[in-house]
Structure formats: C-alpha cells, structure tokens
Amino acid sequence: MALAPAGGWAEDDQSWRETMRYFAEMHEGSKAAAPHAEALVATPEGRRRVTELVVTNFEHIPRELLVHLILGAAACAGAPAMIDNVLREGYPELDAARIACPVRVVWGTADRLLPWPSAAARFREDWLPHADWVELDGIGHCPQLDVPLEAAQLILGLTAR
C-alpha cells in the first residue's frame, strides 16, 4: 500500500527538482516553527495554515497531533541528505518485477505536494499499471490525516486478502 509515493514523475518531467527544493525549504521552515508549534495550532486559522499543503479537511485533526507533526519534521535529521542525494542522483528506477504481493496506490486528487496525476505518471504507466489505483476526490497529500477512517479501510481492505 502506498499513499502518494514520490518518484513517479515522467522521465521528461523535471518538476520533481522544484519539489525537492521546496521540501528543503519546508524542512528549514519546520525547524523555525518548532519553538512556536503550540501557538501556531492554537486557532482554527493557524491549524489551516499548518495543514494547507497536506490535507483538505483539517478541522478534526487534534492540535497535539499537529504539534507532533511540526516537531517531527523539524527533528528529521536525515531530510537534507536525502533531498541532496535525490537532487544529485535523481530518483531510482522502481524494479516492479521484484514486487510479489498485491499493490494498492492511493492518491488524493487535491494533492498539492505531489500533484495527481503528473507525479504518478511512471507508477501508473510504466511500473505499476496492474496495481489497484484509488483516487480520492478532493483529498490532499495525506489521506491518513484527511480521511483517516477511509484510509484505514483501504489499508485493511488490501491487507485482509
């Protein structure tokens, strides 16, 4: 099961480079925001601002979880090296032939980080055309936060096979 995995841009689509640079900016921003995390999520407007790039439905997400997300992103020491490596080497090819289990890929059509369908092109067309593709209309990058019950049902529906 994959929730909007990165690395699926078409071979001639270089927009992933801009996405990686943006991820680097987001990481730095999360480090600056971390000391103020509690205050940032204290109001509905702050919670919308914190979540606007990853979900379309934010009202149900507990403040404590949003604080945890900010602090976790800020503490992710491996992010700069991962981003630098991807910018230097590119994304590796997916060896789909090695996958020996059912695959479900879930993508929100309102994903602002990895836009549907362009960020999924190679997954859909080259690597995983046989996968069970689920498009969540109007949902953002993190369906596990956006629509947690539906995301859990999609996971259980695949793993219960």
N, C-alpha and C. Protein backbone atom coordinates (compact mmCIF):
# COMPACT_ATOMS: atom_id res chain seq x y z
N MET A 1 0.85 -1.17 0.00
CA MET A 1 0.00 0.00 0.00
C MET A 1 0.89 1.22 0.00
N ALA A 2 0.63 2.13 -0.90
CA ALA A 2 1.40 3.37 -0.98
C ALA A 2 0.44 4.54 -1.00
N LEU A 3 0.74 5.54 -0.20
CA LEU A 3 -0.04 6.76 -0.17
C LEU A 3 0.77 7.85 -0.88
N ALA A 4 0.40 8.16 -2.10
CA ALA A 4 1.05 9.21 -2.91
C ALA A 4 2.57 9.16 -2.79
N PRO A 5 3.19 8.06 -3.26
CA PRO A 5 4.64 7.96 -3.15
C PRO A 5 5.37 8.88 -4.12
N ALA A 6 6.47 9.42 -3.69
CA ALA A 6 7.29 10.27 -4.56
C ALA A 6 8.08 9.40 -5.53
N GLY A 7 8.55 10.02 -6.61
CA GLY A 7 9.42 9.33 -7.54
C GLY A 7 8.76 8.86 -8.82
N GLY A 8 7.50 9.20 -9.03
CA GLY A 8 6.79 8.68 -10.18
C GLY A 8 6.63 9.65 -11.34
N TRP A 9 7.33 10.75 -11.32
CA TRP A 9 7.23 11.71 -12.42
C TRP A 9 7.67 11.06 -13.73
N ALA A 10 7.11 11.52 -14.84
CA ALA A 10 7.52 11.04 -16.16
C ALA A 10 9.00 11.37 -16.36
N GLU A 11 9.66 10.55 -17.18
CA GLU A 11 11.11 10.73 -17.38
C GLU A 11 11.48 12.13 -17.84
N ASP A 12 10.65 12.74 -18.65
CA ASP A 12 10.97 14.07 -19.17
C ASP A 12 10.44 15.21 -18.30
N ASP A 13 9.81 14.87 -17.18
CA ASP A 13 9.25 15.87 -16.27
C ASP A 13 10.28 16.18 -15.18
N GLN A 14 10.83 17.35 -15.23
CA GLN A 14 11.85 17.75 -14.25
C GLN A 14 11.25 18.54 -13.09
N SER A 15 9.94 18.59 -12.97
CA SER A 15 9.31 19.35 -11.88
C SER A 15 9.65 18.77 -10.51
N TRP A 16 10.11 17.52 -10.47
CA TRP A 16 10.48 16.92 -9.19
C TRP A 16 11.63 17.69 -8.54
N ARG A 17 12.48 18.31 -9.34
CA ARG A 17 13.60 19.08 -8.78
C ARG A 17 13.06 20.27 -7.97
N GLU A 18 12.06 20.94 -8.52
CA GLU A 18 11.44 22.04 -7.78
C GLU A 18 10.78 21.53 -6.50
N THR A 19 10.14 20.36 -6.60
CA THR A 19 9.51 19.77 -5.42
C THR A 19 10.54 19.47 -4.34
N MET A 20 11.68 18.93 -4.73
CA MET A 20 12.74 18.64 -3.75
C MET A 20 13.27 19.91 -3.11
N ARG A 21 13.46 20.94 -3.90
CA ARG A 21 13.92 22.21 -3.33
C ARG A 21 12.88 22.77 -2.35
N TYR A 22 11.62 22.60 -2.71
CA TYR A 22 10.55 23.04 -1.81
C TYR A 22 10.56 22.22 -0.52
N PHE A 23 10.80 20.91 -0.63
CA PHE A 23 10.89 20.08 0.58
C PHE A 23 12.01 20.58 1.49
N ALA A 24 13.13 20.99 0.90
CA ALA A 24 14.23 21.53 1.70
C ALA A 24 13.79 22.80 2.42
N GLU A 25 13.06 23.67 1.72
CA GLU A 25 12.54 24.88 2.35
C GLU A 25 11.56 24.55 3.47
N MET A 26 10.70 23.56 3.22
CA MET A 26 9.74 23.15 4.25
C MET A 26 10.45 22.63 5.49
N HIS A 27 11.53 21.89 5.29
CA HIS A 27 12.27 21.36 6.43
C HIS A 27 12.85 22.49 7.26
N GLU A 28 13.45 23.45 6.59
CA GLU A 28 14.00 24.61 7.30
C GLU A 28 12.88 25.39 8.00
N GLY A 29 11.77 25.54 7.33
CA GLY A 29 10.62 26.23 7.93
C GLY A 29 10.09 25.53 9.15
N SER A 30 10.08 24.20 9.11
CA SER A 30 9.59 23.45 10.27
C SER A 30 10.52 23.62 11.47
N LYS A 31 11.81 23.72 11.20
CA LYS A 31 12.77 23.96 12.30
C LYS A 31 12.53 25.33 12.91
N ALA A 32 12.25 26.33 12.08
CA ALA A 32 11.97 27.68 12.61
C ALA A 32 10.63 27.70 13.35
N ALA A 33 9.67 26.90 12.90
CA ALA A 33 8.34 26.88 13.50
C ALA A 33 8.28 26.08 14.79
N ALA A 34 9.16 25.12 14.95
CA ALA A 34 9.09 24.19 16.08
C ALA A 34 8.94 24.87 17.44
N PRO A 35 9.72 25.90 17.76
CA PRO A 35 9.56 26.52 19.08
C PRO A 35 8.19 27.19 19.28
N HIS A 36 7.49 27.42 18.20
CA HIS A 36 6.20 28.11 18.25
C HIS A 36 5.03 27.19 17.89
N ALA A 37 5.28 25.90 17.85
CA ALA A 37 4.28 24.95 17.37
C ALA A 37 2.96 25.06 18.12
N GLU A 38 2.99 25.12 19.43
CA GLU A 38 1.75 25.21 20.22
C GLU A 38 0.95 26.44 19.83
N ALA A 39 1.63 27.57 19.70
CA ALA A 39 0.93 28.81 19.34
C ALA A 39 0.40 28.75 17.91
N LEU A 40 1.14 28.12 17.01
CA LEU A 40 0.72 28.05 15.62
C LEU A 40 -0.59 27.30 15.44
N VAL A 41 -0.83 26.29 16.27
CA VAL A 41 -2.04 25.48 16.11
C VAL A 41 -3.14 25.86 17.10
N ALA A 42 -2.97 26.96 17.80
CA ALA A 42 -3.93 27.37 18.84
C ALA A 42 -5.26 27.86 18.27
N THR A 43 -5.27 28.30 17.01
CA THR A 43 -6.51 28.81 16.41
C THR A 43 -6.86 27.98 15.17
N PRO A 44 -8.13 28.02 14.78
CA PRO A 44 -8.50 27.33 13.53
C PRO A 44 -7.72 27.86 12.33
N GLU A 45 -7.46 29.15 12.29
CA GLU A 45 -6.71 29.73 11.19
C GLU A 45 -5.27 29.19 11.17
N GLY A 46 -4.67 29.07 12.35
CA GLY A 46 -3.33 28.52 12.44
C GLY A 46 -3.28 27.07 12.03
N ARG A 47 -4.28 26.30 12.45
CA ARG A 47 -4.32 24.88 12.06
C ARG A 47 -4.52 24.75 10.55
N ARG A 48 -5.31 25.61 9.94
CA ARG A 48 -5.48 25.57 8.49
C ARG A 48 -4.16 25.89 7.80
N ARG A 49 -3.47 26.90 8.33
CA ARG A 49 -2.20 27.30 7.72
C ARG A 49 -1.17 26.18 7.80
N VAL A 50 -1.10 25.51 8.94
CA VAL A 50 -0.14 24.42 9.15
C VAL A 50 -0.44 23.23 8.24
N THR A 51 -1.70 23.00 7.92
CA THR A 51 -2.10 21.80 7.19
C THR A 51 -2.44 22.04 5.72
N GLU A 52 -2.41 23.28 5.26
CA GLU A 52 -2.97 23.59 3.94
C GLU A 52 -2.32 22.85 2.78
N LEU A 53 -1.08 22.43 2.91
CA LEU A 53 -0.43 21.72 1.81
C LEU A 53 -0.60 20.20 1.87
N VAL A 54 -1.11 19.69 2.98
CA VAL A 54 -1.18 18.23 3.10
C VAL A 54 -2.59 17.66 3.22
N VAL A 55 -3.57 18.48 3.62
CA VAL A 55 -4.94 17.97 3.75
C VAL A 55 -5.93 19.03 3.27
N THR A 56 -7.12 18.56 2.93
CA THR A 56 -8.20 19.48 2.62
C THR A 56 -9.16 19.59 3.80
N ASN A 57 -9.21 18.56 4.63
CA ASN A 57 -10.06 18.53 5.82
C ASN A 57 -9.17 18.54 7.06
N PHE A 58 -9.16 19.63 7.77
CA PHE A 58 -8.24 19.75 8.90
C PHE A 58 -8.93 19.86 10.25
N GLU A 59 -10.20 20.16 10.25
CA GLU A 59 -10.90 20.51 11.48
C GLU A 59 -10.87 19.40 12.53
N HIS A 60 -10.83 18.16 12.11
CA HIS A 60 -10.89 17.02 13.03
C HIS A 60 -9.51 16.61 13.57
N ILE A 61 -8.44 17.18 13.04
CA ILE A 61 -7.10 16.75 13.44
C ILE A 61 -6.75 17.39 14.79
N PRO A 62 -6.42 16.59 15.79
CA PRO A 62 -6.12 17.14 17.12
C PRO A 62 -4.90 18.06 17.08
N ARG A 63 -4.98 19.12 17.87
CA ARG A 63 -3.86 20.06 17.98
C ARG A 63 -2.56 19.35 18.34
N GLU A 64 -2.66 18.40 19.25
CA GLU A 64 -1.47 17.68 19.71
C GLU A 64 -0.78 16.96 18.56
N LEU A 65 -1.58 16.40 17.66
CA LEU A 65 -1.01 15.71 16.50
C LEU A 65 -0.30 16.70 15.58
N LEU A 66 -0.89 17.86 15.39
CA LEU A 66 -0.25 18.87 14.54
C LEU A 66 1.06 19.36 15.14
N VAL A 67 1.09 19.54 16.45
CA VAL A 67 2.34 19.91 17.12
C VAL A 67 3.38 18.81 16.90
N HIS A 68 2.96 17.57 17.07
CA HIS A 68 3.86 16.44 16.87
C HIS A 68 4.40 16.41 15.43
N LEU A 69 3.55 16.69 14.45
CA LEU A 69 3.99 16.71 13.06
C LEU A 69 5.04 17.80 12.81
N ILE A 70 4.81 18.98 13.37
CA ILE A 70 5.78 20.07 13.21
C ILE A 70 7.10 19.69 13.85
N LEU A 71 7.04 19.19 15.08
CA LEU A 71 8.27 18.83 15.80
C LEU A 71 8.99 17.67 15.11
N GLY A 72 8.23 16.71 14.62
CA GLY A 72 8.84 15.58 13.92
C GLY A 72 9.53 16.00 12.64
N ALA A 73 8.89 16.86 11.87
CA ALA A 73 9.50 17.35 10.64
C ALA A 73 10.78 18.13 10.96
N ALA A 74 10.73 18.94 12.00
CA ALA A 74 11.89 19.73 12.38
C ALA A 74 13.05 18.85 12.83
N ALA A 75 12.74 17.74 13.47
CA ALA A 75 13.77 16.86 14.02
C ALA A 75 14.29 15.84 13.02
N CYS A 76 13.77 15.83 11.81
CA CYS A 76 14.16 14.84 10.81
C CYS A 76 15.56 15.16 10.29
N ALA A 77 16.55 14.64 10.96
CA ALA A 77 17.95 14.94 10.64
C ALA A 77 18.37 14.39 9.27
N GLY A 78 17.70 13.37 8.77
CA GLY A 78 18.08 12.77 7.51
C GLY A 78 17.51 13.48 6.28
N ALA A 79 16.59 14.41 6.48
CA ALA A 79 15.94 15.06 5.33
C ALA A 79 16.94 15.77 4.42
N PRO A 80 17.84 16.60 4.92
CA PRO A 80 18.74 17.31 4.00
C PRO A 80 19.59 16.36 3.15
N ALA A 81 20.11 15.30 3.75
CA ALA A 81 20.93 14.35 2.99
C ALA A 81 20.10 13.62 1.94
N MET A 82 18.89 13.24 2.28
CA MET A 82 18.01 12.56 1.34
C MET A 82 17.69 13.49 0.16
N ILE A 83 17.33 14.73 0.46
CA ILE A 83 17.00 15.69 -0.59
C ILE A 83 18.21 15.95 -1.47
N ASP A 84 19.38 16.16 -0.85
CA ASP A 84 20.60 16.39 -1.63
C ASP A 84 20.91 15.21 -2.55
N ASN A 85 20.75 14.00 -2.02
CA ASN A 85 21.03 12.81 -2.81
C ASN A 85 20.09 12.71 -4.01
N VAL A 86 18.80 12.95 -3.79
CA VAL A 86 17.84 12.89 -4.89
C VAL A 86 18.14 13.96 -5.92
N LEU A 87 18.49 15.16 -5.49
CA LEU A 87 18.81 16.22 -6.44
C LEU A 87 20.07 15.89 -7.24
N ARG A 88 21.01 15.22 -6.60
CA ARG A 88 22.27 14.86 -7.27
C ARG A 88 22.11 13.63 -8.17
N GLU A 89 21.44 12.60 -7.67
CA GLU A 89 21.37 11.31 -8.36
C GLU A 89 20.05 11.06 -9.09
N GLY A 90 19.03 11.81 -8.76
CA GLY A 90 17.70 11.54 -9.30
C GLY A 90 17.03 10.43 -8.51
N TYR A 91 15.77 10.19 -8.84
CA TYR A 91 15.05 9.10 -8.18
C TYR A 91 15.45 7.78 -8.82
N PRO A 92 15.61 6.74 -8.02
CA PRO A 92 15.95 5.44 -8.61
C PRO A 92 14.76 4.85 -9.37
N GLU A 93 15.06 3.99 -10.31
CA GLU A 93 14.02 3.26 -11.03
C GLU A 93 13.37 2.26 -10.08
N LEU A 94 12.08 2.10 -10.19
CA LEU A 94 11.38 1.10 -9.40
C LEU A 94 11.47 -0.24 -10.13
N ASP A 95 11.98 -1.25 -9.45
CA ASP A 95 12.05 -2.59 -10.03
C ASP A 95 10.76 -3.32 -9.67
N ALA A 96 9.71 -3.01 -10.41
CA ALA A 96 8.39 -3.55 -10.10
C ALA A 96 8.33 -5.07 -10.21
N ALA A 97 9.20 -5.66 -11.00
CA ALA A 97 9.20 -7.12 -11.14
C ALA A 97 9.52 -7.81 -9.83
N ARG A 98 10.18 -7.13 -8.92
CA ARG A 98 10.53 -7.72 -7.63
C ARG A 98 9.38 -7.68 -6.63
N ILE A 99 8.32 -7.00 -6.96
CA ILE A 99 7.16 -6.89 -6.06
C ILE A 99 6.30 -8.13 -6.25
N ALA A 100 6.18 -8.92 -5.20
CA ALA A 100 5.48 -10.20 -5.29
C ALA A 100 4.20 -10.23 -4.46
N CYS A 101 3.60 -9.08 -4.25
CA CYS A 101 2.37 -9.03 -3.46
C CYS A 101 1.41 -8.04 -4.13
N PRO A 102 0.15 -8.07 -3.74
CA PRO A 102 -0.78 -7.10 -4.30
C PRO A 102 -0.34 -5.67 -3.94
N VAL A 103 -0.58 -4.75 -4.86
CA VAL A 103 -0.20 -3.35 -4.66
C VAL A 103 -1.43 -2.47 -4.83
N ARG A 104 -1.60 -1.58 -3.87
CA ARG A 104 -2.64 -0.55 -3.97
C ARG A 104 -1.94 0.79 -3.81
N VAL A 105 -2.24 1.71 -4.71
CA VAL A 105 -1.70 3.06 -4.62
C VAL A 105 -2.88 4.01 -4.46
N VAL A 106 -2.82 4.81 -3.42
CA VAL A 106 -3.89 5.75 -3.09
C VAL A 106 -3.36 7.17 -3.29
N TRP A 107 -4.13 7.98 -4.01
CA TRP A 107 -3.69 9.35 -4.28
C TRP A 107 -4.88 10.29 -4.20
N GLY A 108 -4.71 11.38 -3.47
CA GLY A 108 -5.74 12.40 -3.41
C GLY A 108 -5.67 13.30 -4.63
N THR A 109 -6.81 13.57 -5.23
CA THR A 109 -6.82 14.41 -6.43
C THR A 109 -6.52 15.88 -6.12
N ALA A 110 -6.56 16.26 -4.85
CA ALA A 110 -6.24 17.63 -4.44
C ALA A 110 -4.85 17.70 -3.78
N ASP A 111 -3.99 16.74 -4.09
CA ASP A 111 -2.63 16.71 -3.54
C ASP A 111 -1.85 17.92 -4.05
N ARG A 112 -1.40 18.77 -3.14
CA ARG A 112 -0.67 19.98 -3.53
C ARG A 112 0.85 19.77 -3.47
N LEU A 113 1.30 18.70 -2.84
CA LEU A 113 2.74 18.42 -2.79
C LEU A 113 3.19 17.59 -3.98
N LEU A 114 2.47 16.52 -4.26
CA LEU A 114 2.76 15.64 -5.40
C LEU A 114 1.48 15.56 -6.24
N PRO A 115 1.31 16.53 -7.14
CA PRO A 115 0.03 16.66 -7.85
C PRO A 115 -0.36 15.43 -8.67
N TRP A 116 -1.61 15.07 -8.52
CA TRP A 116 -2.22 14.00 -9.29
C TRP A 116 -2.67 14.58 -10.62
N PRO A 117 -2.45 13.93 -11.73
CA PRO A 117 -1.81 12.65 -11.93
C PRO A 117 -0.33 12.75 -12.34
N SER A 118 0.17 13.97 -12.52
CA SER A 118 1.52 14.12 -13.08
C SER A 118 2.61 13.47 -12.24
N ALA A 119 2.51 13.57 -10.92
CA ALA A 119 3.55 12.99 -10.06
C ALA A 119 3.47 11.47 -9.99
N ALA A 120 2.44 10.89 -10.58
CA ALA A 120 2.26 9.43 -10.56
C ALA A 120 2.48 8.79 -11.93
N ALA A 121 2.89 9.56 -12.92
CA ALA A 121 2.92 9.09 -14.31
C ALA A 121 3.67 7.76 -14.49
N ARG A 122 4.88 7.67 -14.00
CA ARG A 122 5.66 6.43 -14.24
C ARG A 122 5.11 5.27 -13.42
N PHE A 123 4.61 5.54 -12.23
CA PHE A 123 3.99 4.46 -11.45
C PHE A 123 2.81 3.88 -12.24
N ARG A 124 1.97 4.74 -12.76
CA ARG A 124 0.75 4.30 -13.46
C ARG A 124 1.03 3.68 -14.81
N GLU A 125 1.94 4.29 -15.57
CA GLU A 125 2.12 3.87 -16.96
C GLU A 125 3.21 2.82 -17.14
N ASP A 126 4.29 2.90 -16.37
CA ASP A 126 5.44 2.02 -16.61
C ASP A 126 5.61 0.94 -15.54
N TRP A 127 5.52 1.32 -14.30
CA TRP A 127 5.93 0.42 -13.23
C TRP A 127 4.78 -0.37 -12.61
N LEU A 128 3.67 0.28 -12.34
CA LEU A 128 2.60 -0.39 -11.61
C LEU A 128 1.23 -0.25 -12.28
N PRO A 129 1.14 -0.47 -13.59
CA PRO A 129 -0.17 -0.32 -14.23
C PRO A 129 -1.17 -1.36 -13.72
N HIS A 130 -0.67 -2.47 -13.20
CA HIS A 130 -1.51 -3.55 -12.68
C HIS A 130 -1.99 -3.32 -11.25
N ALA A 131 -1.49 -2.28 -10.62
CA ALA A 131 -1.86 -2.00 -9.23
C ALA A 131 -3.33 -1.61 -9.13
N ASP A 132 -3.85 -1.73 -7.94
CA ASP A 132 -5.19 -1.24 -7.63
C ASP A 132 -5.03 0.25 -7.33
N TRP A 133 -5.44 1.09 -8.26
CA TRP A 133 -5.30 2.54 -8.13
C TRP A 133 -6.57 3.12 -7.54
N VAL A 134 -6.42 3.89 -6.46
CA VAL A 134 -7.56 4.51 -5.81
C VAL A 134 -7.34 6.02 -5.80
N GLU A 135 -8.24 6.73 -6.44
CA GLU A 135 -8.20 8.19 -6.44
C GLU A 135 -9.22 8.67 -5.42
N LEU A 136 -8.78 9.51 -4.51
CA LEU A 136 -9.67 10.08 -3.50
C LEU A 136 -10.00 11.52 -3.92
N ASP A 137 -11.20 11.71 -4.42
CA ASP A 137 -11.62 13.01 -4.93
C ASP A 137 -11.58 14.08 -3.85
N GLY A 138 -10.88 15.18 -4.16
CA GLY A 138 -10.84 16.32 -3.26
C GLY A 138 -10.01 16.14 -2.02
N ILE A 139 -9.19 15.10 -1.96
CA ILE A 139 -8.38 14.81 -0.77
C ILE A 139 -6.93 15.19 -1.07
N GLY A 140 -6.21 15.62 -0.03
CA GLY A 140 -4.85 16.09 -0.18
C GLY A 140 -3.80 14.99 -0.12
N HIS A 141 -2.57 15.39 0.16
CA HIS A 141 -1.41 14.50 0.12
C HIS A 141 -1.43 13.43 1.21
N CYS A 142 -2.04 13.71 2.33
CA CYS A 142 -2.03 12.77 3.47
C CYS A 142 -3.43 12.27 3.78
N PRO A 143 -3.92 11.27 3.04
CA PRO A 143 -5.27 10.78 3.32
C PRO A 143 -5.41 10.19 4.72
N GLN A 144 -4.31 9.72 5.29
CA GLN A 144 -4.37 9.18 6.65
C GLN A 144 -4.73 10.27 7.66
N LEU A 145 -4.48 11.52 7.31
CA LEU A 145 -4.90 12.65 8.15
C LEU A 145 -6.21 13.24 7.66
N ASP A 146 -6.36 13.32 6.37
CA ASP A 146 -7.51 13.95 5.72
C ASP A 146 -8.79 13.16 5.97
N VAL A 147 -8.74 11.88 5.66
CA VAL A 147 -9.90 10.98 5.83
C VAL A 147 -9.38 9.69 6.49
N PRO A 148 -9.08 9.75 7.78
CA PRO A 148 -8.40 8.61 8.43
C PRO A 148 -9.19 7.30 8.39
N LEU A 149 -10.49 7.35 8.54
CA LEU A 149 -11.27 6.11 8.52
C LEU A 149 -11.22 5.47 7.14
N GLU A 150 -11.40 6.27 6.11
CA GLU A 150 -11.34 5.74 4.75
C GLU A 150 -9.95 5.20 4.43
N ALA A 151 -8.90 5.90 4.86
CA ALA A 151 -7.53 5.43 4.63
C ALA A 151 -7.31 4.09 5.34
N ALA A 152 -7.78 3.97 6.57
CA ALA A 152 -7.64 2.71 7.31
C ALA A 152 -8.39 1.58 6.61
N GLN A 153 -9.58 1.87 6.11
CA GLN A 153 -10.36 0.86 5.41
C GLN A 153 -9.66 0.41 4.13
N LEU A 154 -9.02 1.35 3.44
CA LEU A 154 -8.28 0.98 2.23
C LEU A 154 -7.08 0.09 2.55
N ILE A 155 -6.41 0.38 3.65
CA ILE A 155 -5.28 -0.44 4.06
C ILE A 155 -5.77 -1.83 4.47
N LEU A 156 -6.77 -1.88 5.32
CA LEU A 156 -7.30 -3.16 5.77
C LEU A 156 -7.89 -3.97 4.63
N GLY A 157 -8.52 -3.31 3.69
CA GLY A 157 -9.08 -4.00 2.53
C GLY A 157 -8.03 -4.70 1.70
N LEU A 158 -6.83 -4.15 1.68
CA LEU A 158 -5.73 -4.78 0.94
C LEU A 158 -5.04 -5.86 1.77
N THR A 159 -4.78 -5.55 3.01
CA THR A 159 -4.01 -6.49 3.86
C THR A 159 -4.83 -7.68 4.33
N ALA A 160 -6.16 -7.59 4.28
CA ALA A 160 -7.00 -8.70 4.73
C ALA A 160 -7.12 -9.79 3.67
N ARG A 161 -6.56 -9.56 2.49
CA ARG A 161 -6.67 -10.55 1.40
C ARG A 161 -5.88 -11.81 1.71
